[in-house]
PDB file of N, CA and C in Angstrom:
ATOM      1  N   MET A   1       0.835  -1.183   0.000  1.00  0.00           N
ATOM      2  CA  MET A   1       0.000   0.000   0.000  1.00  0.00           C
ATOM      3  C   MET A   1       0.880   1.246   0.000  1.00  0.00           C
ATOM      4  N   ASN A   2       0.566   2.180  -0.842  1.00  0.00           N
ATOM      5  CA  ASN A   2       1.322   3.423  -0.931  1.00  0.00           C
ATOM      6  C   ASN A   2       0.788   4.405   0.102  1.00  0.00           C
ATOM      7  N   THR A   3       1.500   4.544   1.233  1.00  0.00           N
ATOM      8  CA  THR A   3       1.033   5.426   2.301  1.00  0.00           C
ATOM      9  C   THR A   3       1.414   6.872   2.076  1.00  0.00           C
ATOM     10  N   SER A   4       2.217   7.165   1.061  1.00  0.00           N
ATOM     11  CA  SER A   4       2.629   8.550   0.834  1.00  0.00           C
ATOM     12  C   SER A   4       1.456   9.430   0.410  1.00  0.00           C
ATOM     13  N   LYS A   5       0.373   8.844  -0.089  1.00  0.00           N
ATOM     14  CA  LYS A   5      -0.780   9.620  -0.527  1.00  0.00           C
ATOM     15  C   LYS A   5      -1.862   9.726   0.548  1.00  0.00           C
ATOM     16  N   ILE A   6      -1.660   9.051   1.676  1.00  0.00           N
ATOM     17  CA  ILE A   6      -2.635   9.092   2.749  1.00  0.00           C
ATOM     18  C   ILE A   6      -2.384  10.333   3.603  1.00  0.00           C
ATOM     19  N   GLU A   7      -3.441  11.054   3.901  1.00  0.00           N
ATOM     20  CA  GLU A   7      -3.331  12.269   4.702  1.00  0.00           C
ATOM     21  C   GLU A   7      -2.973  11.925   6.142  1.00  0.00           C
ATOM     22  N   ARG A   8      -1.896  12.505   6.648  1.00  0.00           N
ATOM     23  CA  ARG A   8      -1.442  12.268   8.010  1.00  0.00           C
ATOM     24  C   ARG A   8      -1.899  13.376   8.963  1.00  0.00           C
ATOM     25  N   HIS A   9      -2.372  14.461   8.417  1.00  0.00           N
ATOM     26  CA  HIS A   9      -2.748  15.629   9.211  1.00  0.00           C
ATOM     27  C   HIS A   9      -4.032  15.357   9.985  1.00  0.00           C
ATOM     28  N   ILE A  10      -3.971  15.555  11.308  1.00  0.00           N
ATOM     29  CA  ILE A  10      -5.152  15.387  12.159  1.00  0.00           C
ATOM     30  C   ILE A  10      -5.790  16.750  12.436  1.00  0.00           C
ATOM     31  N   GLY A  11      -4.952  17.743  12.709  1.00  0.00           N
ATOM     32  CA  GLY A  11      -5.485  19.071  12.998  1.00  0.00           C
ATOM     33  C   GLY A  11      -4.381  20.033  13.383  1.00  0.00           C
ATOM     34  N   ASN A  12      -4.749  21.290  13.459  1.00  0.00           N
ATOM     35  CA  ASN A  12      -3.832  22.305  13.952  1.00  0.00           C
ATOM     36  C   ASN A  12      -4.632  23.298  14.796  1.00  0.00           C
ATOM     37  N   PHE A  13      -3.978  23.820  15.823  1.00  0.00           N
ATOM     38  CA  PHE A  13      -4.665  24.672  16.776  1.00  0.00           C
ATOM     39  C   PHE A  13      -3.656  25.395  17.648  1.00  0.00           C
ATOM     40  N   ASN A  14      -4.134  26.391  18.379  1.00  0.00           N
ATOM     41  CA  ASN A  14      -3.328  27.069  19.390  1.00  0.00           C
ATOM     42  C   ASN A  14      -3.364  26.218  20.656  1.00  0.00           C
ATOM     43  N   ILE A  15      -2.315  26.305  21.451  1.00  0.00           N
ATOM     44  CA  ILE A  15      -2.230  25.536  22.683  1.00  0.00           C
ATOM     45  C   ILE A  15      -3.127  26.183  23.740  1.00  0.00           C
ATOM     46  N   ALA A  16      -4.066  25.416  24.261  1.00  0.00           N
ATOM     47  CA  ALA A  16      -4.984  25.918  25.285  1.00  0.00           C
ATOM     48  C   ALA A  16      -4.258  26.021  26.623  1.00  0.00           C
ATOM     49  N   GLY A  17      -4.463  27.116  27.329  1.00  0.00           N
ATOM     50  CA  GLY A  17      -3.864  27.298  28.639  1.00  0.00           C
ATOM     51  C   GLY A  17      -2.399  27.663  28.627  1.00  0.00           C
ATOM     52  N   PHE A  18      -1.907  28.124  27.510  1.00  0.00           N
ATOM     53  CA  PHE A  18      -0.481  28.450  27.368  1.00  0.00           C
ATOM     54  C   PHE A  18      -0.008  29.438  28.436  1.00  0.00           C
ATOM     55  N   THR A  19      -0.855  30.381  28.812  1.00  0.00           N
ATOM     56  CA  THR A  19      -0.463  31.396  29.798  1.00  0.00           C
ATOM     57  C   THR A  19      -0.466  30.868  31.231  1.00  0.00           C
ATOM     58  N   TYR A  20      -1.073  29.716  31.469  1.00  0.00           N
ATOM     59  CA  TYR A  20      -1.192  29.199  32.831  1.00  0.00           C
ATOM     60  C   TYR A  20      -0.081  28.233  33.215  1.00  0.00           C
ATOM     61  N   TRP A  21       0.700  27.778  32.281  1.00  0.00           N
ATOM     62  CA  TRP A  21       1.713  26.768  32.568  1.00  0.00           C
ATOM     63  C   TRP A  21       3.106  27.346  32.319  1.00  0.00           C
ATOM     64  N   ASP A  22       3.967  26.632  31.611  1.00  0.00           N
ATOM     65  CA  ASP A  22       5.360  27.053  31.424  1.00  0.00           C
ATOM     66  C   ASP A  22       5.594  27.734  30.078  1.00  0.00           C
ATOM     67  N   GLY A  23       4.552  28.175  29.437  1.00  0.00           N
ATOM     68  CA  GLY A  23       4.678  28.774  28.112  1.00  0.00           C
ATOM     69  C   GLY A  23       5.654  29.925  28.044  1.00  0.00           C
ATOM     70  N   CYS A  24       5.537  30.853  28.972  1.00  0.00           N
ATOM     71  CA  CYS A  24       6.425  32.028  28.921  1.00  0.00           C
ATOM     72  C   CYS A  24       7.876  31.657  29.202  1.00  0.00           C
ATOM     73  N   ILE A  25       8.114  30.596  29.943  1.00  0.00           N
ATOM     74  CA  ILE A  25       9.483  30.140  30.227  1.00  0.00           C
ATOM     75  C   ILE A  25      10.091  29.464  29.000  1.00  0.00           C
ATOM     76  N   ALA A  26       9.265  28.691  28.300  1.00  0.00           N
ATOM     77  CA  ALA A  26       9.762  27.895  27.164  1.00  0.00           C
ATOM     78  C   ALA A  26       9.734  28.647  25.841  1.00  0.00           C
ATOM     79  N   LEU A  27       9.028  29.756  25.766  1.00  0.00           N
ATOM     80  CA  LEU A  27       8.789  30.434  24.493  1.00  0.00           C
ATOM     81  C   LEU A  27      10.067  30.738  23.719  1.00  0.00           C
ATOM     82  N   ASP A  28      11.103  31.222  24.384  1.00  0.00           N
ATOM     83  CA  ASP A  28      12.333  31.573  23.670  1.00  0.00           C
ATOM     84  C   ASP A  28      13.137  30.348  23.226  1.00  0.00           C
ATOM     85  N   LYS A  29      12.750  29.159  23.691  1.00  0.00           N
ATOM     86  CA  LYS A  29      13.429  27.922  23.302  1.00  0.00           C
ATOM     87  C   LYS A  29      12.708  27.196  22.150  1.00  0.00           C
ATOM     88  N   LEU A  30      11.455  27.550  21.918  1.00  0.00           N
ATOM     89  CA  LEU A  30      10.663  26.886  20.879  1.00  0.00           C
ATOM     90  C   LEU A  30      11.108  27.332  19.490  1.00  0.00           C
ATOM     91  N   ARG A  31      11.042  26.439  18.549  1.00  0.00           N
ATOM     92  CA  ARG A  31      11.365  26.702  17.146  1.00  0.00           C
ATOM     93  C   ARG A  31      10.314  26.031  16.268  1.00  0.00           C
ATOM     94  N   ILE A  32      10.105  26.585  15.093  1.00  0.00           N
ATOM     95  CA  ILE A  32       9.209  25.965  14.111  1.00  0.00           C
ATOM     96  C   ILE A  32       9.713  24.553  13.837  1.00  0.00           C
ATOM     97  N   GLY A  33       8.805  23.607  13.879  1.00  0.00           N
ATOM     98  CA  GLY A  33       9.159  22.213  13.624  1.00  0.00           C
ATOM     99  C   GLY A  33       9.574  21.431  14.858  1.00  0.00           C
ATOM    100  N   ALA A  34       9.724  22.103  16.005  1.00  0.00           N
ATOM    101  CA  ALA A  34      10.120  21.400  17.228  1.00  0.00           C
ATOM    102  C   ALA A  34       9.080  20.343  17.586  1.00  0.00           C
ATOM    103  N   ARG A  35       9.559  19.178  17.956  1.00  0.00           N
ATOM    104  CA  ARG A  35       8.663  18.068  18.335  1.00  0.00           C
ATOM    105  C   ARG A  35       8.184  18.277  19.770  1.00  0.00           C
ATOM    106  N   LEU A  36       6.897  18.061  19.966  1.00  0.00           N
ATOM    107  CA  LEU A  36       6.280  18.187  21.277  1.00  0.00           C
ATOM    108  C   LEU A  36       5.771  16.820  21.725  1.00  0.00           C
ATOM    109  N   ARG A  37       5.681  16.644  23.024  1.00  0.00           N
ATOM    110  CA  ARG A  37       5.249  15.361  23.595  1.00  0.00           C
ATOM    111  C   ARG A  37       3.841  15.519  24.163  1.00  0.00           C
ATOM    112  N   LEU A  38       3.027  14.494  23.956  1.00  0.00           N
ATOM    113  CA  LEU A  38       1.668  14.484  24.490  1.00  0.00           C
ATOM    114  C   LEU A  38       1.612  13.572  25.706  1.00  0.00           C
ATOM    115  N   GLU A  39       0.850  13.999  26.701  1.00  0.00           N
ATOM    116  CA  GLU A  39       0.685  13.200  27.905  1.00  0.00           C
ATOM    117  C   GLU A  39      -0.781  13.243  28.318  1.00  0.00           C
ATOM    118  N   ARG A  40      -1.368  12.079  28.437  1.00  0.00           N
ATOM    119  CA  ARG A  40      -2.787  11.968  28.789  1.00  0.00           C
ATOM    120  C   ARG A  40      -2.981  12.291  30.262  1.00  0.00           C
ATOM    121  N   GLU A  41      -4.010  13.088  30.563  1.00  0.00           N
ATOM    122  CA  GLU A  41      -4.368  13.417  31.944  1.00  0.00           C
ATOM    123  C   GLU A  41      -5.806  12.970  32.201  1.00  0.00           C
ATOM    124  N   SER A  42      -5.992  11.677  32.360  1.00  0.00           N
ATOM    125  CA  SER A  42      -7.342  11.119  32.515  1.00  0.00           C
ATOM    126  C   SER A  42      -8.013  11.549  33.820  1.00  0.00           C
ATOM    127  N   GLU A  43      -7.230  11.967  34.807  1.00  0.00           N
ATOM    128  CA  GLU A  43      -7.785  12.398  36.090  1.00  0.00           C
ATOM    129  C   GLU A  43      -8.015  13.904  36.150  1.00  0.00           C
ATOM    130  N   ASN A  44      -7.887  14.613  35.033  1.00  0.00           N
ATOM    131  CA  ASN A  44      -8.081  16.061  34.995  1.00  0.00           C
ATOM    132  C   ASN A  44      -9.536  16.379  35.353  1.00  0.00           C
ATOM    133  N   ARG A  45      -9.730  17.180  36.390  1.00  0.00           N
ATOM    134  CA  ARG A  45     -11.102  17.432  36.867  1.00  0.00           C
ATOM    135  C   ARG A  45     -11.878  18.408  36.002  1.00  0.00           C
ATOM    136  N   PHE A  46     -11.201  19.117  35.101  1.00  0.00           N
ATOM    137  CA  PHE A  46     -11.871  20.078  34.234  1.00  0.00           C
ATOM    138  C   PHE A  46     -12.258  19.492  32.888  1.00  0.00           C
ATOM    139  N   ASP A  47     -11.524  18.479  32.435  1.00  0.00           N
ATOM    140  CA  ASP A  47     -11.770  17.895  31.113  1.00  0.00           C
ATOM    141  C   ASP A  47     -11.389  16.414  31.136  1.00  0.00           C
ATOM    142  N   PRO A  48     -12.357  15.512  31.029  1.00  0.00           N
ATOM    143  CA  PRO A  48     -12.051  14.080  31.074  1.00  0.00           C
ATOM    144  C   PRO A  48     -11.238  13.590  29.874  1.00  0.00           C
ATOM    145  N   TYR A  49     -11.135  14.405  28.834  1.00  0.00           N
ATOM    146  CA  TYR A  49     -10.366  14.035  27.640  1.00  0.00           C
ATOM    147  C   TYR A  49      -9.062  14.828  27.539  1.00  0.00           C
ATOM    148  N   ALA A  50      -8.591  15.372  28.637  1.00  0.00           N
ATOM    149  CA  ALA A  50      -7.417  16.253  28.644  1.00  0.00           C
ATOM    150  C   ALA A  50      -6.153  15.547  28.160  1.00  0.00           C
ATOM    151  N   VAL A  51      -5.453  16.219  27.237  1.00  0.00           N
ATOM    152  CA  VAL A  51      -4.151  15.773  26.745  1.00  0.00           C
ATOM    153  C   VAL A  51      -3.211  16.967  26.854  1.00  0.00           C
ATOM    154  N   ALA A  52      -2.213  16.845  27.740  1.00  0.00           N
ATOM    155  CA  ALA A  52      -1.248  17.919  27.961  1.00  0.00           C
ATOM    156  C   ALA A  52      -0.178  17.887  26.877  1.00  0.00           C
ATOM    157  N   ILE A  53       0.394  19.054  26.600  1.00  0.00           N
ATOM    158  CA  ILE A  53       1.446  19.220  25.595  1.00  0.00           C
ATOM    159  C   ILE A  53       2.715  19.680  26.312  1.00  0.00           C
ATOM    160  N   TYR A  54       3.811  18.965  26.064  1.00  0.00           N
ATOM    161  CA  TYR A  54       5.096  19.275  26.696  1.00  0.00           C
ATOM    162  C   TYR A  54       6.169  19.536  25.652  1.00  0.00           C
ATOM    163  N   PHE A  55       7.087  20.417  26.013  1.00  0.00           N
ATOM    164  CA  PHE A  55       8.326  20.632  25.274  1.00  0.00           C
ATOM    165  C   PHE A  55       9.435  20.357  26.280  1.00  0.00           C
ATOM    166  N   GLY A  56      10.078  19.204  26.151  1.00  0.00           N
ATOM    167  CA  GLY A  56      11.028  18.781  27.175  1.00  0.00           C
ATOM    168  C   GLY A  56      10.295  18.647  28.487  1.00  0.00           C
ATOM    169  N   GLU A  57      10.812  19.291  29.538  1.00  0.00           N
ATOM    170  CA  GLU A  57      10.148  19.226  30.844  1.00  0.00           C
ATOM    171  C   GLU A  57       9.102  20.319  31.021  1.00  0.00           C
ATOM    172  N   TYR A  58       8.977  21.212  30.036  1.00  0.00           N
ATOM    173  CA  TYR A  58       8.041  22.333  30.137  1.00  0.00           C
ATOM    174  C   TYR A  58       6.637  21.930  29.701  1.00  0.00           C
ATOM    175  N   LYS A  59       5.692  22.129  30.586  1.00  0.00           N
ATOM    176  CA  LYS A  59       4.289  21.912  30.228  1.00  0.00           C
ATOM    177  C   LYS A  59       3.791  23.187  29.571  1.00  0.00           C
ATOM    178  N   LEU A  60       3.378  23.081  28.306  1.00  0.00           N
ATOM    179  CA  LEU A  60       2.937  24.255  27.551  1.00  0.00           C
ATOM    180  C   LEU A  60       1.443  24.505  27.673  1.00  0.00           C
ATOM    181  N   GLY A  61       0.668  23.470  27.910  1.00  0.00           N
ATOM    182  CA  GLY A  61      -0.782  23.601  27.979  1.00  0.00           C
ATOM    183  C   GLY A  61      -1.433  22.324  27.498  1.00  0.00           C
ATOM    184  N   TYR A  62      -2.522  22.474  26.745  1.00  0.00           N
ATOM    185  CA  TYR A  62      -3.340  21.323  26.355  1.00  0.00           C
ATOM    186  C   TYR A  62      -3.813  21.406  24.908  1.00  0.00           C
ATOM    187  N   ILE A  63      -4.168  20.239  24.371  1.00  0.00           N
ATOM    188  CA  ILE A  63      -4.957  20.211  23.139  1.00  0.00           C
ATOM    189  C   ILE A  63      -6.306  20.811  23.527  1.00  0.00           C
ATOM    190  N   PRO A  64      -6.834  21.751  22.754  1.00  0.00           N
ATOM    191  CA  PRO A  64      -8.096  22.402  23.129  1.00  0.00           C
ATOM    192  C   PRO A  64      -9.256  21.413  23.291  1.00  0.00           C
ATOM    193  N   GLU A  65     -10.093  21.721  24.250  1.00  0.00           N
ATOM    194  CA  GLU A  65     -11.303  20.928  24.470  1.00  0.00           C
ATOM    195  C   GLU A  65     -12.118  20.931  23.180  1.00  0.00           C
ATOM    196  N   GLY A  66     -12.592  19.796  22.794  1.00  0.00           N
ATOM    197  CA  GLY A  66     -13.329  19.665  21.541  1.00  0.00           C
ATOM    198  C   GLY A  66     -12.461  19.112  20.422  1.00  0.00           C
ATOM    199  N   SER A  67     -11.147  19.274  20.545  1.00  0.00           N
ATOM    200  CA  SER A  67     -10.217  18.711  19.560  1.00  0.00           C
ATOM    201  C   SER A  67      -9.449  17.524  20.154  1.00  0.00           C
ATOM    202  N   ASN A  68      -9.725  17.204  21.417  1.00  0.00           N
ATOM    203  CA  ASN A  68      -8.901  16.227  22.116  1.00  0.00           C
ATOM    204  C   ASN A  68      -9.545  14.855  22.322  1.00  0.00           C
ATOM    205  N   ARG A  69     -10.802  14.702  22.000  1.00  0.00           N
ATOM    206  CA  ARG A  69     -11.520  13.473  22.346  1.00  0.00           C
ATOM    207  C   ARG A  69     -10.938  12.232  21.672  1.00  0.00           C
ATOM    208  N   VAL A  70     -10.769  12.256  20.369  1.00  0.00           N
ATOM    209  CA  VAL A  70     -10.254  11.076  19.657  1.00  0.00           C
ATOM    210  C   VAL A  70      -8.813  10.789  20.072  1.00  0.00           C
ATOM    211  N   VAL A  71      -8.004  11.839  20.212  1.00  0.00           N
ATOM    212  CA  VAL A  71      -6.611  11.663  20.623  1.00  0.00           C
ATOM    213  C   VAL A  71      -6.563  10.995  21.998  1.00  0.00           C
ATOM    214  N   SER A  72      -7.361  11.491  22.935  1.00  0.00           N
ATOM    215  CA  SER A  72      -7.346  10.928  24.289  1.00  0.00           C
ATOM    216  C   SER A  72      -7.827   9.483  24.297  1.00  0.00           C
ATOM    217  N   GLN A  73      -8.833   9.175  23.515  1.00  0.00           N
ATOM    218  CA  GLN A  73      -9.341   7.804  23.474  1.00  0.00           C
ATOM    219  C   GLN A  73      -8.299   6.850  22.889  1.00  0.00           C
ATOM    220  N   LEU A  74      -7.606   7.276  21.843  1.00  0.00           N
ATOM    221  CA  LEU A  74      -6.556   6.432  21.276  1.00  0.00           C
ATOM    222  C   LEU A  74      -5.392   6.279  22.254  1.00  0.00           C
ATOM    223  N   MET A  75      -5.057   7.330  22.965  1.00  0.00           N
ATOM    224  CA  MET A  75      -4.003   7.230  23.973  1.00  0.00           C
ATOM    225  C   MET A  75      -4.410   6.270  25.087  1.00  0.00           C
ATOM    226  N   ASP A  76      -5.675   6.305  25.494  1.00  0.00           N
ATOM    227  CA  ASP A  76      -6.171   5.387  26.524  1.00  0.00           C
ATOM    228  C   ASP A  76      -6.073   3.929  26.075  1.00  0.00           C
ATOM    229  N   LEU A  77      -6.144   3.698  24.782  1.00  0.00           N
ATOM    230  CA  LEU A  77      -6.035   2.343  24.237  1.00  0.00           C
ATOM    231  C   LEU A  77      -4.584   1.934  23.975  1.00  0.00           C
ATOM    232  N   GLY A  78      -3.647   2.813  24.305  1.00  0.00           N
ATOM    233  CA  GLY A  78      -2.235   2.477  24.154  1.00  0.00           C
ATOM    234  C   GLY A  78      -1.608   2.879  22.836  1.00  0.00           C
ATOM    235  N   TYR A  79      -2.268   3.752  22.081  1.00  0.00           N
ATOM    236  CA  TYR A  79      -1.761   4.175  20.771  1.00  0.00           C
ATOM    237  C   TYR A  79      -1.139   5.569  20.795  1.00  0.00           C
ATOM    238  N   GLY A  80      -0.619   5.991  21.919  1.00  0.00           N
ATOM    239  CA  GLY A  80      -0.044   7.326  22.043  1.00  0.00           C
ATOM    240  C   GLY A  80       1.131   7.579  21.118  1.00  0.00           C
ATOM    241  N   GLU A  81       1.866   6.535  20.755  1.00  0.00           N
ATOM    242  CA  GLU A  81       3.049   6.705  19.900  1.00  0.00           C
ATOM    243  C   GLU A  81       2.726   7.019  18.447  1.00  0.00           C
ATOM    244  N   ILE A  82       1.468   6.936  18.062  1.00  0.00           N
ATOM    245  CA  ILE A  82       1.136   7.228  16.666  1.00  0.00           C
ATOM    246  C   ILE A  82       1.077   8.721  16.381  1.00  0.00           C
ATOM    247  N   PHE A  83       1.080   9.545  17.439  1.00  0.00           N
ATOM    248  CA  PHE A  83       0.932  10.984  17.246  1.00  0.00           C
ATOM    249  C   PHE A  83       2.278  11.686  17.155  1.00  0.00           C
ATOM    250  N   ASP A  84       2.340  12.649  16.255  1.00  0.00           N
ATOM    251  CA  ASP A  84       3.534  13.468  16.055  1.00  0.00           C
ATOM    252  C   ASP A  84       3.076  14.919  16.049  1.00  0.00           C
ATOM    253  N   MET A  85       3.373  15.637  17.139  1.00  0.00           N
ATOM    254  CA  MET A  85       2.970  17.041  17.235  1.00  0.00           C
ATOM    255  C   MET A  85       4.201  17.921  17.067  1.00  0.00           C
ATOM    256  N   ARG A  86       4.037  18.984  16.261  1.00  0.00           N
ATOM    257  CA  ARG A  86       5.136  19.917  15.981  1.00  0.00           C
ATOM    258  C   ARG A  86       4.670  21.352  16.135  1.00  0.00           C
ATOM    259  N   VAL A  87       5.608  22.225  16.477  1.00  0.00           N
ATOM    260  CA  VAL A  87       5.325  23.658  16.481  1.00  0.00           C
ATOM    261  C   VAL A  87       5.160  24.087  15.032  1.00  0.00           C
ATOM    262  N   GLN A  88       4.056  24.730  14.728  1.00  0.00           N
ATOM    263  CA  GLN A  88       3.773  25.157  13.363  1.00  0.00           C
ATOM    264  C   GLN A  88       4.022  26.649  13.150  1.00  0.00           C
ATOM    265  N   ARG A  89       3.683  27.453  14.172  1.00  0.00           N
ATOM    266  CA  ARG A  89       3.802  28.901  14.032  1.00  0.00           C
ATOM    267  C   ARG A  89       4.113  29.513  15.383  1.00  0.00           C
ATOM    268  N   LEU A  90       5.000  30.493  15.369  1.00  0.00           N
ATOM    269  CA  LEU A  90       5.297  31.294  16.554  1.00  0.00           C
ATOM    270  C   LEU A  90       5.003  32.745  16.211  1.00  0.00           C
ATOM    271  N   GLN A  91       4.148  33.375  16.985  1.00  0.00           N
ATOM    272  CA  GLN A  91       3.784  34.762  16.740  1.00  0.00           C
ATOM    273  C   GLN A  91       3.906  35.523  18.064  1.00  0.00           C
ATOM    274  N   LEU A  92       5.099  36.031  18.315  1.00  0.00           N
ATOM    275  CA  LEU A  92       5.427  36.607  19.613  1.00  0.00           C
ATOM    276  C   LEU A  92       4.640  37.860  19.959  1.00  0.00           C
ATOM    277  N   ASP A  93       4.138  38.585  18.965  1.00  0.00           N
ATOM    278  CA  ASP A  93       3.384  39.812  19.243  1.00  0.00           C
ATOM    279  C   ASP A  93       1.884  39.560  19.424  1.00  0.00           C
ATOM    280  N   ALA A  94       1.466  38.301  19.342  1.00  0.00           N
ATOM    281  CA  ALA A  94       0.051  37.956  19.508  1.00  0.00           C
ATOM    282  C   ALA A  94      -0.296  37.825  20.992  1.00  0.00           C
ATOM    283  N   HIS A  95      -1.581  37.754  21.273  1.00  0.00           N
ATOM    284  CA  HIS A  95      -2.047  37.462  22.631  1.00  0.00           C
ATOM    285  C   HIS A  95      -1.390  36.152  23.068  1.00  0.00           C
ATOM    286  N   PRO A  96      -0.967  36.020  24.332  1.00  0.00           N
ATOM    287  CA  PRO A  96      -0.249  34.814  24.760  1.00  0.00           C
ATOM    288  C   PRO A  96      -0.938  33.492  24.426  1.00  0.00           C
ATOM    289  N   GLU A  97      -2.259  33.457  24.449  1.00  0.00           N
ATOM    290  CA  GLU A  97      -2.964  32.208  24.118  1.00  0.00           C
ATOM    291  C   GLU A  97      -2.912  31.883  22.626  1.00  0.00           C
ATOM    292  N   LYS A  98      -2.405  32.817  21.822  1.00  0.00           N
ATOM    293  CA  LYS A  98      -2.324  32.600  20.373  1.00  0.00           C
ATOM    294  C   LYS A  98      -0.900  32.694  19.851  1.00  0.00           C
ATOM    295  N   GLN A  99       0.082  32.676  20.747  1.00  0.00           N
ATOM    296  CA  GLN A  99       1.471  32.819  20.324  1.00  0.00           C
ATOM    297  C   GLN A  99       2.033  31.567  19.658  1.00  0.00           C
ATOM    298  N   VAL A 100       1.543  30.401  20.056  1.00  0.00           N
ATOM    299  CA  VAL A 100       2.092  29.148  19.530  1.00  0.00           C
ATOM    300  C   VAL A 100       0.975  28.327  18.905  1.00  0.00           C
ATOM    301  N   SER A 101       1.149  28.028  17.626  1.00  0.00           N
ATOM    302  CA  SER A 101       0.229  27.151  16.915  1.00  0.00           C
ATOM    303  C   SER A 101       0.956  25.842  16.646  1.00  0.00           C
ATOM    304  N   VAL A 102       0.242  24.750  16.813  1.00  0.00           N
ATOM    305  CA  VAL A 102       0.833  23.432  16.605  1.00  0.00           C
ATOM    306  C   VAL A 102       0.059  22.666  15.540  1.00  0.00           C
ATOM    307  N   VAL A 103       0.725  21.655  15.001  1.00  0.00           N
ATOM    308  CA  VAL A 103       0.087  20.769  14.041  1.00  0.00           C
ATOM    309  C   VAL A 103       0.231  19.346  14.572  1.00  0.00           C
ATOM    310  N   LEU A 104      -0.820  18.561  14.402  1.00  0.00           N
ATOM    311  CA  LEU A 104      -0.825  17.189  14.881  1.00  0.00           C
ATOM    312  C   LEU A 104      -0.955  16.244  13.694  1.00  0.00           C
ATOM    313  N   PHE A 105      -0.006  15.325  13.610  1.00  0.00           N
ATOM    314  CA  PHE A 105       0.001  14.308  12.566  1.00  0.00           C
ATOM    315  C   PHE A 105      -0.164  12.936  13.212  1.00  0.00           C
ATOM    316  N   VAL A 106      -0.611  11.991  12.431  1.00  0.00           N
ATOM    317  CA  VAL A 106      -0.603  10.597  12.861  1.00  0.00           C
ATOM    318  C   VAL A 106       0.473   9.900  12.037  1.00  0.00           C
ATOM    319  N   THR A 107       1.268   9.074  12.693  1.00  0.00           N
ATOM    320  CA  THR A 107       2.357   8.355  12.043  1.00  0.00           C
ATOM    321  C   THR A 107       1.801   7.103  11.379  1.00  0.00           C
ATOM    322  N   PRO A 108       2.178   6.799  10.128  1.00  0.00           N
ATOM    323  CA  PRO A 108       1.709   5.579   9.480  1.00  0.00           C
ATOM    324  C   PRO A 108       2.059   4.341  10.317  1.00  0.00           C
ATOM    325  N   ALA A 109       1.151   3.384  10.363  1.00  0.00           N
ATOM    326  CA  ALA A 109       1.293   2.202  11.212  1.00  0.00           C
ATOM    327  C   ALA A 109       2.590   1.450  10.963  1.00  0.00           C
ATOM    328  N   HIS A 110       3.014   1.333   9.704  1.00  0.00           N
ATOM    329  CA  HIS A 110       4.223   0.550   9.437  1.00  0.00           C
ATOM    330  C   HIS A 110       5.454   1.191  10.077  1.00  0.00           C
ATOM    331  N   LYS A 111       5.453   2.502  10.250  1.00  0.00           N
ATOM    332  CA  LYS A 111       6.587   3.174  10.895  1.00  0.00           C
ATOM    333  C   LYS A 111       6.539   2.988  12.408  1.00  0.00           C
ATOM    334  N   VAL A 112       5.345   2.982  12.988  1.00  0.00           N
ATOM    335  CA  VAL A 112       5.209   2.801  14.422  1.00  0.00           C
ATOM    336  C   VAL A 112       5.543   1.370  14.822  1.00  0.00           C
ATOM    337  N   PHE A 113       4.978   0.411  14.096  1.00  0.00           N
ATOM    338  CA  PHE A 113       5.131  -0.984  14.501  1.00  0.00           C
ATOM    339  C   PHE A 113       6.486  -1.546  14.140  1.00  0.00           C
ATOM    340  N   ASN A 114       7.187  -0.951  13.168  1.00  0.00           N
ATOM    341  CA  ASN A 114       8.548  -1.373  12.860  1.00  0.00           C
ATOM    342  C   ASN A 114       9.505  -0.990  13.979  1.00  0.00           C
ATOM    343  N   ARG A 115       9.180   0.063  14.742  1.00  0.00           N
ATOM    344  CA  ARG A 115      10.010   0.466  15.877  1.00  0.00           C
ATOM    345  C   ARG A 115       9.936  -0.561  16.998  1.00  0.00           C
ATOM    346  N   CYS A 116       8.846  -1.318  17.044  1.00  0.00           N
ATOM    347  CA  CYS A 116       8.645  -2.279  18.135  1.00  0.00           C
ATOM    348  C   CYS A 116       9.391  -3.589  17.899  1.00  0.00           C
ATOM    349  N   LYS A 117       9.857  -3.809  16.702  1.00  0.00           N
ATOM    350  CA  LYS A 117      10.508  -5.094  16.380  1.00  0.00           C
ATOM    351  C   LYS A 117      11.931  -5.116  16.835  1.00  0.00           C
TER     352      LYS A 117
END
């Protein structure tokens, strides 16, 4: 199967809660294309589908509510490694909640499962 023609893009959005976490500390270290890590927060009392976004040890915020349900459900099933999140846009003069835009891709299965062998 030719996977090069399959769309890998899941979505793109601003990081929710960027001003409440380590965003201002990490902002000068972020670069376009930087890989971000996702971490499921199933015990989050504000959002049962919460997925936190990290850059190294810095917690940047969350996938916005309404865009996180499928991602969180797949992570709950153990498929967290299929996601590839990258910094898409940095706009330092924007409102802090809109300074960092990210893009979320899904990794083709053959690339994920070949890592397990």
